[in-house]
Amino acid sequence: MNLGEKLAREYLAGQGLKFVAANYRMRIGEIDLIMEDGKYLVFIEVKFRTSERWGTALEQVTAAKMQKIRRVAEAFLQNYDRFPGEVPYVRFDVIGISPAGAGYRFNWVKGAFE
């Protein structure tokens, strides 16, 4: 887990989300973080940037990247037994992190793929 993912996990836990998995990988792609937010299973793309000169975190997530994340999420759900017999509500979020003074600034976009 890299620094951005670690910071995102800590920040989101502070917002009440519960950690499920990190760096869930398949041949077709990877999901940085998977967390529970109430009745939602949230698939999270983490973008750590030292500057937004080349665009915001959300702008860095292309349509092709979103499609890969969706496919990996589908595979994850086939093996996820936390909600036996039912499919949990699913959400795709993006969290951008950038340095700000002595700390970090977080830009959390819920439902970013909608």
N, C-alpha and C. Protein backbone atom coordinates (compact mmCIF):
# COMPACT_ATOMS: atom_id res chain seq x y z
N MET A 1 0.86 -1.17 0.00
CA MET A 1 0.00 0.00 0.00
C MET A 1 0.90 1.24 0.00
N ASN A 2 0.66 2.13 -0.97
CA ASN A 2 1.49 3.32 -1.06
C ASN A 2 0.98 4.42 -0.12
N LEU A 3 1.69 5.54 -0.08
CA LEU A 3 1.34 6.63 0.85
C LEU A 3 -0.06 7.16 0.59
N GLY A 4 -0.41 7.38 -0.67
CA GLY A 4 -1.74 7.90 -0.99
C GLY A 4 -2.85 6.97 -0.52
N GLU A 5 -2.68 5.69 -0.74
CA GLU A 5 -3.68 4.71 -0.31
C GLU A 5 -3.77 4.64 1.21
N LYS A 6 -2.64 4.73 1.88
CA LYS A 6 -2.62 4.73 3.35
C LYS A 6 -3.36 5.96 3.88
N LEU A 7 -3.05 7.13 3.33
CA LEU A 7 -3.73 8.36 3.76
C LEU A 7 -5.22 8.29 3.49
N ALA A 8 -5.59 7.78 2.32
CA ALA A 8 -7.02 7.67 1.97
C ALA A 8 -7.73 6.72 2.93
N ARG A 9 -7.10 5.59 3.21
CA ARG A 9 -7.72 4.62 4.13
C ARG A 9 -7.96 5.24 5.50
N GLU A 10 -6.97 5.95 6.02
CA GLU A 10 -7.11 6.59 7.33
C GLU A 10 -8.18 7.67 7.31
N TYR A 11 -8.18 8.48 6.26
CA TYR A 11 -9.17 9.55 6.14
C TYR A 11 -10.59 8.98 6.06
N LEU A 12 -10.78 7.98 5.21
CA LEU A 12 -12.11 7.41 5.04
C LEU A 12 -12.57 6.67 6.29
N ALA A 13 -11.67 6.02 6.99
CA ALA A 13 -12.02 5.39 8.27
C ALA A 13 -12.49 6.45 9.25
N GLY A 14 -11.85 7.61 9.24
CA GLY A 14 -12.27 8.72 10.09
C GLY A 14 -13.64 9.26 9.71
N GLN A 15 -14.07 8.99 8.47
CA GLN A 15 -15.39 9.41 8.01
C GLN A 15 -16.44 8.32 8.25
N GLY A 16 -16.02 7.22 8.89
CA GLY A 16 -16.96 6.16 9.25
C GLY A 16 -16.97 4.94 8.34
N LEU A 17 -16.14 4.90 7.31
CA LEU A 17 -16.10 3.73 6.44
C LEU A 17 -15.29 2.62 7.10
N LYS A 18 -15.63 1.37 6.78
CA LYS A 18 -14.93 0.22 7.33
C LYS A 18 -14.10 -0.45 6.23
N PHE A 19 -12.85 -0.70 6.55
CA PHE A 19 -11.92 -1.30 5.60
C PHE A 19 -12.31 -2.73 5.27
N VAL A 20 -12.24 -3.08 3.97
CA VAL A 20 -12.49 -4.45 3.51
C VAL A 20 -11.23 -5.01 2.86
N ALA A 21 -10.66 -4.29 1.89
CA ALA A 21 -9.49 -4.80 1.17
C ALA A 21 -8.73 -3.65 0.53
N ALA A 22 -7.45 -3.90 0.25
CA ALA A 22 -6.62 -2.93 -0.46
C ALA A 22 -5.90 -3.64 -1.60
N ASN A 23 -5.71 -2.91 -2.67
CA ASN A 23 -4.96 -3.41 -3.83
C ASN A 23 -5.49 -4.76 -4.32
N TYR A 24 -6.80 -4.84 -4.51
CA TYR A 24 -7.40 -6.05 -5.04
C TYR A 24 -7.06 -6.13 -6.53
N ARG A 25 -6.26 -7.13 -6.89
CA ARG A 25 -5.72 -7.22 -8.25
C ARG A 25 -6.26 -8.42 -9.01
N MET A 26 -6.43 -8.16 -10.29
CA MET A 26 -6.74 -9.21 -11.25
C MET A 26 -5.91 -8.90 -12.50
N ARG A 27 -5.90 -9.81 -13.41
CA ARG A 27 -5.14 -9.60 -14.64
C ARG A 27 -5.60 -8.34 -15.37
N ILE A 28 -6.88 -8.03 -15.32
CA ILE A 28 -7.42 -6.89 -16.07
C ILE A 28 -7.28 -5.54 -15.37
N GLY A 29 -6.96 -5.55 -14.08
CA GLY A 29 -6.84 -4.29 -13.38
C GLY A 29 -6.79 -4.45 -11.87
N GLU A 30 -6.90 -3.32 -11.19
CA GLU A 30 -6.77 -3.29 -9.73
C GLU A 30 -7.72 -2.25 -9.15
N ILE A 31 -8.19 -2.53 -7.95
CA ILE A 31 -8.96 -1.55 -7.18
C ILE A 31 -8.11 -1.19 -5.97
N ASP A 32 -7.90 0.12 -5.78
CA ASP A 32 -7.01 0.58 -4.71
C ASP A 32 -7.56 0.24 -3.33
N LEU A 33 -8.79 0.62 -3.04
CA LEU A 33 -9.41 0.35 -1.74
C LEU A 33 -10.84 -0.13 -1.92
N ILE A 34 -11.25 -1.03 -1.05
CA ILE A 34 -12.64 -1.47 -0.97
C ILE A 34 -13.04 -1.29 0.48
N MET A 35 -14.13 -0.54 0.69
CA MET A 35 -14.58 -0.25 2.05
C MET A 35 -16.10 -0.32 2.12
N GLU A 36 -16.62 -0.47 3.31
CA GLU A 36 -18.06 -0.45 3.52
C GLU A 36 -18.47 0.91 4.08
N ASP A 37 -19.54 1.44 3.52
CA ASP A 37 -20.12 2.70 3.99
C ASP A 37 -21.60 2.43 4.23
N GLY A 38 -21.92 1.99 5.46
CA GLY A 38 -23.29 1.59 5.75
C GLY A 38 -23.65 0.37 4.93
N LYS A 39 -24.71 0.48 4.14
CA LYS A 39 -25.15 -0.65 3.32
C LYS A 39 -24.46 -0.70 1.96
N TYR A 40 -23.51 0.21 1.73
CA TYR A 40 -22.78 0.26 0.47
C TYR A 40 -21.42 -0.41 0.55
N LEU A 41 -21.07 -1.13 -0.49
CA LEU A 41 -19.72 -1.60 -0.69
C LEU A 41 -19.11 -0.61 -1.67
N VAL A 42 -18.03 0.04 -1.26
CA VAL A 42 -17.48 1.15 -2.02
C VAL A 42 -16.13 0.76 -2.61
N PHE A 43 -16.01 0.91 -3.92
CA PHE A 43 -14.77 0.65 -4.65
C PHE A 43 -14.14 2.02 -4.90
N ILE A 44 -12.91 2.19 -4.42
CA ILE A 44 -12.31 3.52 -4.36
C ILE A 44 -11.01 3.57 -5.17
N GLU A 45 -10.96 4.54 -6.07
CA GLU A 45 -9.74 4.84 -6.81
C GLU A 45 -9.05 5.99 -6.10
N VAL A 46 -7.78 5.81 -5.76
CA VAL A 46 -7.01 6.82 -5.03
C VAL A 46 -6.04 7.49 -6.00
N LYS A 47 -6.06 8.82 -5.98
CA LYS A 47 -5.13 9.59 -6.80
C LYS A 47 -4.38 10.56 -5.90
N PHE A 48 -3.08 10.35 -5.79
CA PHE A 48 -2.23 11.24 -5.00
C PHE A 48 -1.48 12.13 -5.98
N ARG A 49 -1.61 13.43 -5.81
CA ARG A 49 -0.99 14.39 -6.71
C ARG A 49 -0.25 15.45 -5.91
N THR A 50 0.94 15.79 -6.36
CA THR A 50 1.67 16.88 -5.72
C THR A 50 1.19 18.22 -6.26
N SER A 51 0.47 18.19 -7.39
CA SER A 51 -0.04 19.40 -7.99
C SER A 51 -1.24 19.05 -8.87
N GLU A 52 -2.16 19.99 -9.03
CA GLU A 52 -3.28 19.78 -9.94
C GLU A 52 -3.02 20.48 -11.27
N ARG A 53 -1.76 20.77 -11.53
CA ARG A 53 -1.38 21.45 -12.77
C ARG A 53 -1.81 20.65 -14.00
N TRP A 54 -1.81 19.34 -13.90
CA TRP A 54 -2.18 18.48 -15.03
C TRP A 54 -3.61 17.97 -14.91
N GLY A 55 -4.40 18.57 -14.02
CA GLY A 55 -5.80 18.18 -13.86
C GLY A 55 -6.09 17.66 -12.47
N THR A 56 -7.35 17.62 -12.14
CA THR A 56 -7.78 17.13 -10.83
C THR A 56 -7.74 15.60 -10.80
N ALA A 57 -7.88 15.06 -9.61
CA ALA A 57 -7.87 13.60 -9.46
C ALA A 57 -8.98 12.96 -10.29
N LEU A 58 -10.17 13.56 -10.25
CA LEU A 58 -11.29 13.01 -10.99
C LEU A 58 -11.02 13.02 -12.49
N GLU A 59 -10.38 14.06 -12.97
CA GLU A 59 -10.06 14.15 -14.39
C GLU A 59 -9.03 13.11 -14.81
N GLN A 60 -8.28 12.59 -13.87
CA GLN A 60 -7.25 11.60 -14.17
C GLN A 60 -7.83 10.19 -14.33
N VAL A 61 -9.10 10.00 -13.98
CA VAL A 61 -9.73 8.69 -14.09
C VAL A 61 -10.50 8.65 -15.42
N THR A 62 -9.92 7.95 -16.37
CA THR A 62 -10.50 7.90 -17.72
C THR A 62 -11.66 6.91 -17.79
N ALA A 63 -12.40 6.99 -18.90
CA ALA A 63 -13.49 6.04 -19.12
C ALA A 63 -12.97 4.61 -19.16
N ALA A 64 -11.80 4.41 -19.76
CA ALA A 64 -11.21 3.07 -19.82
C ALA A 64 -10.86 2.57 -18.42
N LYS A 65 -10.33 3.45 -17.57
CA LYS A 65 -10.00 3.08 -16.18
C LYS A 65 -11.27 2.71 -15.42
N MET A 66 -12.33 3.50 -15.61
CA MET A 66 -13.60 3.21 -14.94
C MET A 66 -14.12 1.83 -15.35
N GLN A 67 -14.04 1.51 -16.62
CA GLN A 67 -14.50 0.21 -17.12
C GLN A 67 -13.70 -0.93 -16.49
N LYS A 68 -12.39 -0.77 -16.38
CA LYS A 68 -11.55 -1.80 -15.75
C LYS A 68 -11.94 -1.99 -14.29
N ILE A 69 -12.14 -0.88 -13.58
CA ILE A 69 -12.52 -0.96 -12.17
C ILE A 69 -13.86 -1.66 -12.02
N ARG A 70 -14.81 -1.35 -12.88
CA ARG A 70 -16.12 -2.02 -12.83
C ARG A 70 -15.98 -3.53 -13.03
N ARG A 71 -15.15 -3.93 -13.97
CA ARG A 71 -14.95 -5.37 -14.23
C ARG A 71 -14.31 -6.07 -13.04
N VAL A 72 -13.32 -5.44 -12.44
CA VAL A 72 -12.68 -6.03 -11.26
C VAL A 72 -13.68 -6.09 -10.10
N ALA A 73 -14.49 -5.06 -9.96
CA ALA A 73 -15.51 -5.04 -8.90
C ALA A 73 -16.51 -6.18 -9.08
N GLU A 74 -16.92 -6.44 -10.31
CA GLU A 74 -17.84 -7.55 -10.58
C GLU A 74 -17.24 -8.87 -10.13
N ALA A 75 -15.97 -9.07 -10.43
CA ALA A 75 -15.29 -10.30 -10.02
C ALA A 75 -15.19 -10.38 -8.50
N PHE A 76 -14.88 -9.26 -7.86
CA PHE A 76 -14.79 -9.23 -6.40
C PHE A 76 -16.13 -9.63 -5.79
N LEU A 77 -17.22 -9.08 -6.32
CA LEU A 77 -18.55 -9.35 -5.78
C LEU A 77 -18.94 -10.82 -5.89
N GLN A 78 -18.44 -11.50 -6.89
CA GLN A 78 -18.75 -12.92 -7.05
C GLN A 78 -18.20 -13.75 -5.90
N ASN A 79 -17.16 -13.25 -5.23
CA ASN A 79 -16.53 -13.99 -4.14
C ASN A 79 -16.73 -13.35 -2.78
N TYR A 80 -17.48 -12.27 -2.72
CA TYR A 80 -17.64 -11.53 -1.46
C TYR A 80 -18.83 -12.08 -0.70
N ASP A 81 -18.58 -12.61 0.49
CA ASP A 81 -19.66 -13.29 1.24
C ASP A 81 -20.13 -12.52 2.47
N ARG A 82 -19.79 -11.26 2.58
CA ARG A 82 -20.22 -10.46 3.73
C ARG A 82 -21.73 -10.28 3.75
N PHE A 83 -22.34 -10.26 2.57
CA PHE A 83 -23.79 -10.11 2.44
C PHE A 83 -24.34 -11.38 1.80
N PRO A 84 -24.34 -12.51 2.52
CA PRO A 84 -24.74 -13.78 1.91
C PRO A 84 -26.16 -13.72 1.35
N GLY A 85 -26.31 -14.21 0.13
CA GLY A 85 -27.63 -14.30 -0.48
C GLY A 85 -28.15 -13.00 -1.05
N GLU A 86 -27.43 -11.93 -0.88
CA GLU A 86 -27.88 -10.66 -1.45
C GLU A 86 -26.68 -9.87 -1.96
N VAL A 87 -26.95 -9.05 -2.93
CA VAL A 87 -25.90 -8.20 -3.48
C VAL A 87 -25.96 -6.87 -2.75
N PRO A 88 -24.83 -6.42 -2.22
CA PRO A 88 -24.85 -5.13 -1.52
C PRO A 88 -25.02 -3.98 -2.51
N TYR A 89 -25.44 -2.85 -2.00
CA TYR A 89 -25.42 -1.65 -2.83
C TYR A 89 -23.96 -1.35 -3.13
N VAL A 90 -23.69 -0.88 -4.32
CA VAL A 90 -22.33 -0.65 -4.75
C VAL A 90 -22.17 0.81 -5.15
N ARG A 91 -21.01 1.36 -4.82
CA ARG A 91 -20.70 2.74 -5.21
C ARG A 91 -19.24 2.80 -5.62
N PHE A 92 -18.94 3.67 -6.58
CA PHE A 92 -17.57 3.88 -7.03
C PHE A 92 -17.17 5.31 -6.70
N ASP A 93 -16.15 5.45 -5.87
CA ASP A 93 -15.68 6.76 -5.44
C ASP A 93 -14.26 7.00 -5.94
N VAL A 94 -13.91 8.27 -6.01
CA VAL A 94 -12.53 8.68 -6.28
C VAL A 94 -12.12 9.63 -5.16
N ILE A 95 -10.93 9.43 -4.64
CA ILE A 95 -10.42 10.37 -3.65
C ILE A 95 -9.07 10.89 -4.12
N GLY A 96 -9.01 12.21 -4.23
CA GLY A 96 -7.78 12.88 -4.61
C GLY A 96 -7.11 13.43 -3.37
N ILE A 97 -5.81 13.27 -3.30
CA ILE A 97 -5.04 13.75 -2.14
C ILE A 97 -3.88 14.58 -2.66
N SER A 98 -3.70 15.73 -2.06
CA SER A 98 -2.56 16.58 -2.44
C SER A 98 -2.02 17.27 -1.19
N PRO A 99 -0.72 17.56 -1.17
CA PRO A 99 -0.13 18.25 -0.02
C PRO A 99 -0.76 19.63 0.15
N ALA A 100 -0.94 20.00 1.41
CA ALA A 100 -1.49 21.32 1.75
C ALA A 100 -0.84 21.78 3.05
N GLY A 101 0.09 22.69 2.96
CA GLY A 101 0.80 23.14 4.15
C GLY A 101 1.55 21.99 4.77
N ALA A 102 1.33 21.78 6.07
CA ALA A 102 2.00 20.70 6.78
C ALA A 102 1.23 19.39 6.69
N GLY A 103 0.06 19.40 6.03
CA GLY A 103 -0.77 18.20 5.94
C GLY A 103 -1.16 17.88 4.51
N TYR A 104 -2.38 17.41 4.37
CA TYR A 104 -2.88 17.00 3.07
C TYR A 104 -4.31 17.50 2.89
N ARG A 105 -4.67 17.71 1.63
CA ARG A 105 -6.03 18.10 1.28
C ARG A 105 -6.68 16.89 0.60
N PHE A 106 -7.91 16.59 1.00
CA PHE A 106 -8.64 15.44 0.46
C PHE A 106 -9.83 15.93 -0.34
N ASN A 107 -9.98 15.41 -1.53
CA ASN A 107 -11.14 15.70 -2.36
C ASN A 107 -11.82 14.37 -2.65
N TRP A 108 -12.86 14.07 -1.88
CA TRP A 108 -13.55 12.78 -1.96
C TRP A 108 -14.82 12.96 -2.78
N VAL A 109 -14.89 12.25 -3.89
CA VAL A 109 -16.05 12.33 -4.78
C VAL A 109 -16.81 11.02 -4.68
N LYS A 110 -17.96 11.05 -4.01
CA LYS A 110 -18.80 9.86 -3.88
C LYS A 110 -19.58 9.67 -5.19
N GLY A 111 -19.72 8.42 -5.61
CA GLY A 111 -20.48 8.14 -6.82
C GLY A 111 -19.85 8.76 -8.06
N ALA A 112 -18.56 8.76 -8.12
CA ALA A 112 -17.83 9.44 -9.19
C ALA A 112 -18.08 8.86 -10.58
N PHE A 113 -18.48 7.61 -10.65
CA PHE A 113 -18.65 6.98 -11.96
C PHE A 113 -20.06 7.15 -12.51
N GLU A 114 -20.93 7.80 -11.78
CA GLU A 114 -22.33 7.94 -12.22
C GLU A 114 -22.51 9.05 -13.20
